[in-house]
Amino acid sequence: MSKLILAINFIIIAGLFASAQPASKIKLQSGDLLFREKSSENISEAIDKVTQTSGETHFSHVGLVEVTDTGIVALHAYPEGGTCIVSLSEFLHPKGDSVKVVAYRLKSEWQKAVPSAIQKAHSMLGKPYNFSYIMSDTAHYCSEFVYLTFVADSVFKLEPMTFKDPETGSFPKAWVEYYQKMGIEIPEGQPGCNPNGLAASEKLERLGRIR
């Protein structure tokens, strides 16, 4: 009887443990894109506010996955460090922030673009961050960096940028103050891209949340 009770207890505990684990674990591969949700920072909020393509995504940052012999890394353009490589852990847990991260993958017919994209991304490392969000050859912001890595295969496309609140039709205070400090006009209508726009591409499939 005692053996039967022990066996039942083991099954119950094992079942509870299994139910606490993720139903499926996403196995990342080179070329996957990691989209980070908006943070509490004013500019992060402002980016999401004016770049919404649907009510389902609220992304303000994106990075490119590379699987190496020593582990998984993310290549991205970030205000601190410019275009750089960071560990997957560092990308998923930015200092002082706790945000959701969702993985996307190019559909099978576009996977052929990945090797050259990774190579292109490496060639752009070490450049400063593009704080103006105006397309540049010498500095890059996050979605611009990803766009350029795949530009040879025309995976993504540029769209006229808007910095206006879709509800009011006016520029949010955060953007007005941001560009006033830079001493330039808001680049309304200039070609560009953003994380929400990239995530909405028909060439991507959503893998799911990884954090």
C-alpha atoms as a PDB file:
ATOM      1  CA  MET A   1       0.000   0.000   0.000  1.00  0.00           C
ATOM      2  CA  SER A   2       2.822   2.389   0.937  1.00  0.00           C
ATOM      3  CA  LYS A   3       4.507   1.812  -2.449  1.00  0.00           C
ATOM      4  CA  LEU A   4       1.246   2.578  -4.222  1.00  0.00           C
ATOM      5  CA  ILE A   5       0.818   5.808  -2.260  1.00  0.00           C
ATOM      6  CA  LEU A   6       4.392   6.829  -3.033  1.00  0.00           C
ATOM      7  CA  ALA A   7       3.824   6.134  -6.719  1.00  0.00           C
ATOM      8  CA  ILE A   8       0.628   8.184  -6.751  1.00  0.00           C
ATOM      9  CA  ASN A   9       2.341  11.046  -4.942  1.00  0.00           C
ATOM     10  CA  PHE A  10       5.181  10.944  -7.443  1.00  0.00           C
ATOM     11  CA  ILE A  11       2.757  11.102 -10.371  1.00  0.00           C
ATOM     12  CA  ILE A  12       0.918  14.041  -8.809  1.00  0.00           C
ATOM     13  CA  ILE A  13       4.128  15.969  -8.110  1.00  0.00           C
ATOM     14  CA  ALA A  14       5.471  15.236 -11.573  1.00  0.00           C
ATOM     15  CA  GLY A  15       2.225  16.401 -13.105  1.00  0.00           C
ATOM     16  CA  LEU A  16       2.273  19.642 -11.136  1.00  0.00           C
ATOM     17  CA  PHE A  17       5.895  20.256 -12.120  1.00  0.00           C
ATOM     18  CA  ALA A  18       5.172  19.622 -15.783  1.00  0.00           C
ATOM     19  CA  SER A  19       2.190  21.952 -15.746  1.00  0.00           C
ATOM     20  CA  ALA A  20       4.418  24.715 -14.396  1.00  0.00           C
ATOM     21  CA  GLN A  21       6.782  24.418 -17.371  1.00  0.00           C
ATOM     22  CA  PRO A  22       6.238  26.149 -20.726  1.00  0.00           C
ATOM     23  CA  ALA A  23       4.083  24.084 -23.069  1.00  0.00           C
ATOM     24  CA  SER A  24       6.690  24.521 -25.777  1.00  0.00           C
ATOM     25  CA  LYS A  25      10.081  26.160 -25.863  1.00  0.00           C
ATOM     26  CA  ILE A  26      10.930  28.228 -28.903  1.00  0.00           C
ATOM     27  CA  LYS A  27      14.208  27.195 -30.481  1.00  0.00           C
ATOM     28  CA  LEU A  28      15.677  30.337 -31.974  1.00  0.00           C
ATOM     29  CA  GLN A  29      17.680  30.228 -35.192  1.00  0.00           C
ATOM     30  CA  SER A  30      19.858  32.719 -37.033  1.00  0.00           C
ATOM     31  CA  GLY A  31      17.799  35.363 -38.775  1.00  0.00           C
ATOM     32  CA  ASP A  32      14.971  35.400 -36.246  1.00  0.00           C
ATOM     33  CA  LEU A  33      13.871  38.824 -35.049  1.00  0.00           C
ATOM     34  CA  LEU A  34      13.286  39.722 -31.419  1.00  0.00           C
ATOM     35  CA  PHE A  35      10.806  42.517 -30.769  1.00  0.00           C
ATOM     36  CA  ARG A  36      10.818  44.200 -27.383  1.00  0.00           C
ATOM     37  CA  GLU A  37       7.706  45.891 -26.093  1.00  0.00           C
ATOM     38  CA  LYS A  38       7.676  49.553 -25.158  1.00  0.00           C
ATOM     39  CA  SER A  39       9.193  50.522 -21.837  1.00  0.00           C
ATOM     40  CA  SER A  40       8.201  53.304 -19.482  1.00  0.00           C
ATOM     41  CA  GLU A  41      10.599  55.745 -21.153  1.00  0.00           C
ATOM     42  CA  ASN A  42       8.927  58.727 -22.837  1.00  0.00           C
ATOM     43  CA  ILE A  43      10.505  58.085 -26.244  1.00  0.00           C
ATOM     44  CA  SER A  44       9.681  54.377 -26.081  1.00  0.00           C
ATOM     45  CA  GLU A  45       6.066  55.265 -25.379  1.00  0.00           C
ATOM     46  CA  ALA A  46       6.126  57.882 -28.146  1.00  0.00           C
ATOM     47  CA  ILE A  47       7.523  55.419 -30.710  1.00  0.00           C
ATOM     48  CA  ASP A  48       4.746  52.947 -29.986  1.00  0.00           C
ATOM     49  CA  LYS A  49       2.072  55.651 -29.986  1.00  0.00           C
ATOM     50  CA  VAL A  50       2.791  56.856 -33.521  1.00  0.00           C
ATOM     51  CA  THR A  51       3.761  53.546 -35.158  1.00  0.00           C
ATOM     52  CA  GLN A  52       0.826  51.312 -34.280  1.00  0.00           C
ATOM     53  CA  THR A  53      -0.260  49.027 -37.119  1.00  0.00           C
ATOM     54  CA  SER A  54      -2.745  47.116 -34.965  1.00  0.00           C
ATOM     55  CA  GLY A  55      -3.788  46.885 -31.364  1.00  0.00           C
ATOM     56  CA  GLU A  56      -1.845  43.651 -30.914  1.00  0.00           C
ATOM     57  CA  THR A  57       1.752  44.865 -30.912  1.00  0.00           C
ATOM     58  CA  HIS A  58       3.396  47.553 -28.857  1.00  0.00           C
ATOM     59  CA  PHE A  59       7.015  47.236 -29.922  1.00  0.00           C
ATOM     60  CA  SER A  60       9.650  49.928 -29.636  1.00  0.00           C
ATOM     61  CA  HIS A  61      12.837  47.909 -30.253  1.00  0.00           C
ATOM     62  CA  VAL A  62      14.033  45.060 -32.476  1.00  0.00           C
ATOM     63  CA  GLY A  63      17.165  42.926 -32.759  1.00  0.00           C
ATOM     64  CA  LEU A  64      18.508  40.190 -35.048  1.00  0.00           C
ATOM     65  CA  VAL A  65      19.320  36.702 -33.737  1.00  0.00           C
ATOM     66  CA  GLU A  66      22.514  34.851 -34.586  1.00  0.00           C
ATOM     67  CA  VAL A  67      23.230  31.343 -33.348  1.00  0.00           C
ATOM     68  CA  THR A  68      26.984  30.911 -32.878  1.00  0.00           C
ATOM     69  CA  ASP A  69      29.245  28.086 -31.701  1.00  0.00           C
ATOM     70  CA  THR A  70      29.358  29.674 -28.260  1.00  0.00           C
ATOM     71  CA  GLY A  71      25.708  30.594 -27.862  1.00  0.00           C
ATOM     72  CA  ILE A  72      22.892  32.806 -29.071  1.00  0.00           C
ATOM     73  CA  VAL A  73      23.514  36.513 -29.539  1.00  0.00           C
ATOM     74  CA  ALA A  74      21.486  39.497 -30.708  1.00  0.00           C
ATOM     75  CA  LEU A  75      22.760  42.116 -33.129  1.00  0.00           C
ATOM     76  CA  HIS A  76      21.030  45.449 -32.739  1.00  0.00           C
ATOM     77  CA  ALA A  77      21.327  49.226 -32.695  1.00  0.00           C
ATOM     78  CA  TYR A  78      20.826  50.753 -29.271  1.00  0.00           C
ATOM     79  CA  PRO A  79      21.281  54.252 -27.816  1.00  0.00           C
ATOM     80  CA  GLU A  80      23.906  52.852 -25.458  1.00  0.00           C
ATOM     81  CA  GLY A  81      26.562  51.222 -27.607  1.00  0.00           C
ATOM     82  CA  GLY A  82      25.298  51.942 -31.103  1.00  0.00           C
ATOM     83  CA  THR A  83      25.299  48.945 -33.450  1.00  0.00           C
ATOM     84  CA  CYS A  84      26.601  46.051 -31.393  1.00  0.00           C
ATOM     85  CA  ILE A  85      26.365  42.378 -30.409  1.00  0.00           C
ATOM     86  CA  VAL A  86      24.988  41.390 -27.011  1.00  0.00           C
ATOM     87  CA  SER A  87      24.188  38.062 -25.414  1.00  0.00           C
ATOM     88  CA  LEU A  88      20.615  36.826 -25.664  1.00  0.00           C
ATOM     89  CA  SER A  89      20.302  37.244 -21.903  1.00  0.00           C
ATOM     90  CA  GLU A  90      21.358  40.891 -22.081  1.00  0.00           C
ATOM     91  CA  PHE A  91      18.863  41.592 -24.849  1.00  0.00           C
ATOM     92  CA  LEU A  92      16.035  39.898 -22.949  1.00  0.00           C
ATOM     93  CA  HIS A  93      16.881  41.661 -19.698  1.00  0.00           C
ATOM     94  CA  PRO A  94      17.896  45.249 -20.498  1.00  0.00           C
ATOM     95  CA  LYS A  95      19.316  47.010 -17.455  1.00  0.00           C
ATOM     96  CA  GLY A  96      16.640  48.476 -15.241  1.00  0.00           C
ATOM     97  CA  ASP A  97      13.773  47.358 -17.445  1.00  0.00           C
ATOM     98  CA  SER A  98      11.310  44.494 -17.540  1.00  0.00           C
ATOM     99  CA  VAL A  99       9.525  44.147 -20.864  1.00  0.00           C
ATOM    100  CA  LYS A 100       7.926  41.476 -23.012  1.00  0.00           C
ATOM    101  CA  VAL A 101       9.945  40.057 -25.921  1.00  0.00           C
ATOM    102  CA  VAL A 102       8.318  38.286 -28.878  1.00  0.00           C
ATOM    103  CA  ALA A 103      10.160  36.259 -31.528  1.00  0.00           C
ATOM    104  CA  TYR A 104       9.340  36.336 -35.241  1.00  0.00           C
ATOM    105  CA  ARG A 105      10.799  34.307 -38.112  1.00  0.00           C
ATOM    106  CA  LEU A 106      11.044  34.883 -41.844  1.00  0.00           C
ATOM    107  CA  LYS A 107       8.740  32.551 -43.741  1.00  0.00           C
ATOM    108  CA  SER A 108      10.415  29.647 -45.554  1.00  0.00           C
ATOM    109  CA  GLU A 109      10.557  31.354 -48.945  1.00  0.00           C
ATOM    110  CA  TRP A 110      12.608  34.192 -47.422  1.00  0.00           C
ATOM    111  CA  GLN A 111      15.031  32.112 -45.359  1.00  0.00           C
ATOM    112  CA  LYS A 112      17.564  32.250 -48.195  1.00  0.00           C
ATOM    113  CA  ALA A 113      18.148  35.900 -47.276  1.00  0.00           C
ATOM    114  CA  VAL A 114      19.452  35.079 -43.782  1.00  0.00           C
ATOM    115  CA  PRO A 115      23.164  34.277 -44.437  1.00  0.00           C
ATOM    116  CA  SER A 116      23.829  37.500 -46.335  1.00  0.00           C
ATOM    117  CA  ALA A 117      21.774  39.448 -43.777  1.00  0.00           C
ATOM    118  CA  ILE A 118      23.941  38.199 -40.916  1.00  0.00           C
ATOM    119  CA  GLN A 119      27.051  39.105 -42.895  1.00  0.00           C
ATOM    120  CA  LYS A 120      25.666  42.566 -43.635  1.00  0.00           C
ATOM    121  CA  ALA A 121      24.785  43.082 -39.973  1.00  0.00           C
ATOM    122  CA  HIS A 122      28.359  42.325 -38.938  1.00  0.00           C
ATOM    123  CA  SER A 123      29.666  44.833 -41.476  1.00  0.00           C
ATOM    124  CA  MET A 124      27.606  47.588 -39.812  1.00  0.00           C
ATOM    125  CA  LEU A 125      28.765  46.932 -36.259  1.00  0.00           C
ATOM    126  CA  GLY A 126      30.535  49.710 -34.406  1.00  0.00           C
ATOM    127  CA  LYS A 127      28.498  52.588 -35.833  1.00  0.00           C
ATOM    128  CA  PRO A 128      26.813  55.096 -33.519  1.00  0.00           C
ATOM    129  CA  TYR A 129      23.107  55.170 -32.808  1.00  0.00           C
ATOM    130  CA  ASN A 130      21.000  57.284 -35.163  1.00  0.00           C
ATOM    131  CA  PHE A 131      19.178  59.593 -32.766  1.00  0.00           C
ATOM    132  CA  SER A 132      17.632  61.660 -35.566  1.00  0.00           C
ATOM    133  CA  TYR A 133      15.761  58.660 -37.071  1.00  0.00           C
ATOM    134  CA  ILE A 134      16.612  60.056 -40.510  1.00  0.00           C
ATOM    135  CA  MET A 135      18.044  57.285 -42.708  1.00  0.00           C
ATOM    136  CA  SER A 136      21.835  57.451 -42.688  1.00  0.00           C
ATOM    137  CA  ASP A 137      24.946  55.633 -43.888  1.00  0.00           C
ATOM    138  CA  THR A 138      26.957  56.524 -40.798  1.00  0.00           C
ATOM    139  CA  ALA A 139      24.555  55.823 -37.917  1.00  0.00           C
ATOM    140  CA  HIS A 140      21.579  53.502 -37.434  1.00  0.00           C
ATOM    141  CA  TYR A 141      18.507  53.130 -35.248  1.00  0.00           C
ATOM    142  CA  CYS A 142      17.152  49.682 -34.422  1.00  0.00           C
ATOM    143  CA  SER A 143      14.641  49.038 -37.196  1.00  0.00           C
ATOM    144  CA  GLU A 144      16.840  50.848 -39.736  1.00  0.00           C
ATOM    145  CA  PHE A 145      19.646  48.430 -38.803  1.00  0.00           C
ATOM    146  CA  VAL A 146      17.384  45.411 -39.380  1.00  0.00           C
ATOM    147  CA  TYR A 147      15.978  46.871 -42.593  1.00  0.00           C
ATOM    148  CA  LEU A 148      19.486  47.379 -43.986  1.00  0.00           C
ATOM    149  CA  THR A 149      20.619  43.860 -43.088  1.00  0.00           C
ATOM    150  CA  PHE A 150      17.946  42.488 -45.428  1.00  0.00           C
ATOM    151  CA  VAL A 151      17.921  45.291 -48.004  1.00  0.00           C
ATOM    152  CA  ALA A 152      19.755  43.286 -50.696  1.00  0.00           C
ATOM    153  CA  ASP A 153      16.851  40.824 -50.807  1.00  0.00           C
ATOM    154  CA  SER A 154      14.141  43.494 -50.489  1.00  0.00           C
ATOM    155  CA  VAL A 155      12.630  41.768 -47.468  1.00  0.00           C
ATOM    156  CA  PHE A 156      11.321  44.948 -45.848  1.00  0.00           C
ATOM    157  CA  LYS A 157      10.340  48.294 -47.312  1.00  0.00           C
ATOM    158  CA  LEU A 158      10.475  51.896 -46.180  1.00  0.00           C
ATOM    159  CA  GLU A 159       7.376  53.967 -45.536  1.00  0.00           C
ATOM    160  CA  PRO A 160       6.842  57.708 -44.970  1.00  0.00           C
ATOM    161  CA  MET A 161       7.442  58.295 -41.276  1.00  0.00           C
ATOM    162  CA  THR A 162       4.907  60.023 -39.099  1.00  0.00           C
ATOM    163  CA  PHE A 163       5.415  61.401 -35.622  1.00  0.00           C
ATOM    164  CA  LYS A 164       1.830  62.564 -35.159  1.00  0.00           C
ATOM    165  CA  ASP A 165      -0.572  61.142 -32.627  1.00  0.00           C
ATOM    166  CA  PRO A 166      -3.169  59.237 -34.721  1.00  0.00           C
ATOM    167  CA  GLU A 167      -5.907  60.303 -32.316  1.00  0.00           C
ATOM    168  CA  THR A 168      -5.185  64.040 -32.341  1.00  0.00           C
ATOM    169  CA  GLY A 169      -3.274  64.558 -35.575  1.00  0.00           C
ATOM    170  CA  SER A 170      -0.677  66.638 -33.728  1.00  0.00           C
ATOM    171  CA  PHE A 171       2.875  65.970 -32.592  1.00  0.00           C
ATOM    172  CA  PRO A 172       3.115  64.547 -29.068  1.00  0.00           C
ATOM    173  CA  LYS A 173       4.998  66.696 -26.582  1.00  0.00           C
ATOM    174  CA  ALA A 174       7.730  64.070 -26.254  1.00  0.00           C
ATOM    175  CA  TRP A 175       8.613  64.335 -29.967  1.00  0.00           C
ATOM    176  CA  VAL A 176       8.444  68.133 -30.023  1.00  0.00           C
ATOM    177  CA  GLU A 177      10.856  68.377 -27.097  1.00  0.00           C
ATOM    178  CA  TYR A 178      13.064  65.609 -28.496  1.00  0.00           C
ATOM    179  CA  TYR A 179      13.709  67.366 -31.810  1.00  0.00           C
ATOM    180  CA  GLN A 180      13.923  70.805 -30.238  1.00  0.00           C
ATOM    181  CA  LYS A 181      16.851  69.542 -28.184  1.00  0.00           C
ATOM    182  CA  MET A 182      18.468  68.199 -31.357  1.00  0.00           C
ATOM    183  CA  GLY A 183      17.943  71.512 -33.118  1.00  0.00           C
ATOM    184  CA  ILE A 184      16.277  70.005 -36.181  1.00  0.00           C
ATOM    185  CA  GLU A 185      12.756  69.813 -37.521  1.00  0.00           C
ATOM    186  CA  ILE A 186      10.673  66.697 -36.951  1.00  0.00           C
ATOM    187  CA  PRO A 187      11.322  64.534 -40.074  1.00  0.00           C
ATOM    188  CA  GLU A 188       7.629  64.026 -40.798  1.00  0.00           C
ATOM    189  CA  GLY A 189       7.046  62.216 -44.104  1.00  0.00           C
ATOM    190  CA  GLN A 190      10.642  61.163 -44.655  1.00  0.00           C
ATOM    191  CA  PRO A 191      11.284  57.481 -45.528  1.00  0.00           C
ATOM    192  CA  GLY A 192      11.886  55.212 -42.573  1.00  0.00           C
ATOM    193  CA  CYS A 193      10.769  52.140 -40.653  1.00  0.00           C
ATOM    194  CA  ASN A 194       9.818  51.117 -37.147  1.00  0.00           C
ATOM    195  CA  PRO A 195       9.499  47.937 -35.032  1.00  0.00           C
ATOM    196  CA  ASN A 196       5.691  47.749 -35.228  1.00  0.00           C
ATOM    197  CA  GLY A 197       5.844  48.121 -39.001  1.00  0.00           C
ATOM    198  CA  LEU A 198       8.465  45.386 -39.390  1.00  0.00           C
ATOM    199  CA  ALA A 199       6.480  43.015 -37.177  1.00  0.00           C
ATOM    200  CA  ALA A 200       3.433  43.534 -39.394  1.00  0.00           C
ATOM    201  CA  SER A 201       5.282  42.310 -42.506  1.00  0.00           C
ATOM    202  CA  GLU A 202       3.571  39.443 -44.350  1.00  0.00           C
ATOM    203  CA  LYS A 203       7.020  37.889 -44.777  1.00  0.00           C
ATOM    204  CA  LEU A 204       7.249  37.143 -41.051  1.00  0.00           C
ATOM    205  CA  GLU A 205       5.524  34.598 -38.857  1.00  0.00           C
ATOM    206  CA  ARG A 206       5.068  35.063 -35.130  1.00  0.00           C
ATOM    207  CA  LEU A 207       6.773  32.370 -33.061  1.00  0.00           C
ATOM    208  CA  GLY A 208       5.579  33.579 -29.697  1.00  0.00           C
ATOM    209  CA  ARG A 209       6.697  35.227 -26.520  1.00  0.00           C
ATOM    210  CA  ILE A 210      10.095  34.254 -25.163  1.00  0.00           C
ATOM    211  CA  ARG A 211      10.036  36.600 -22.190  1.00  0.00           C
END
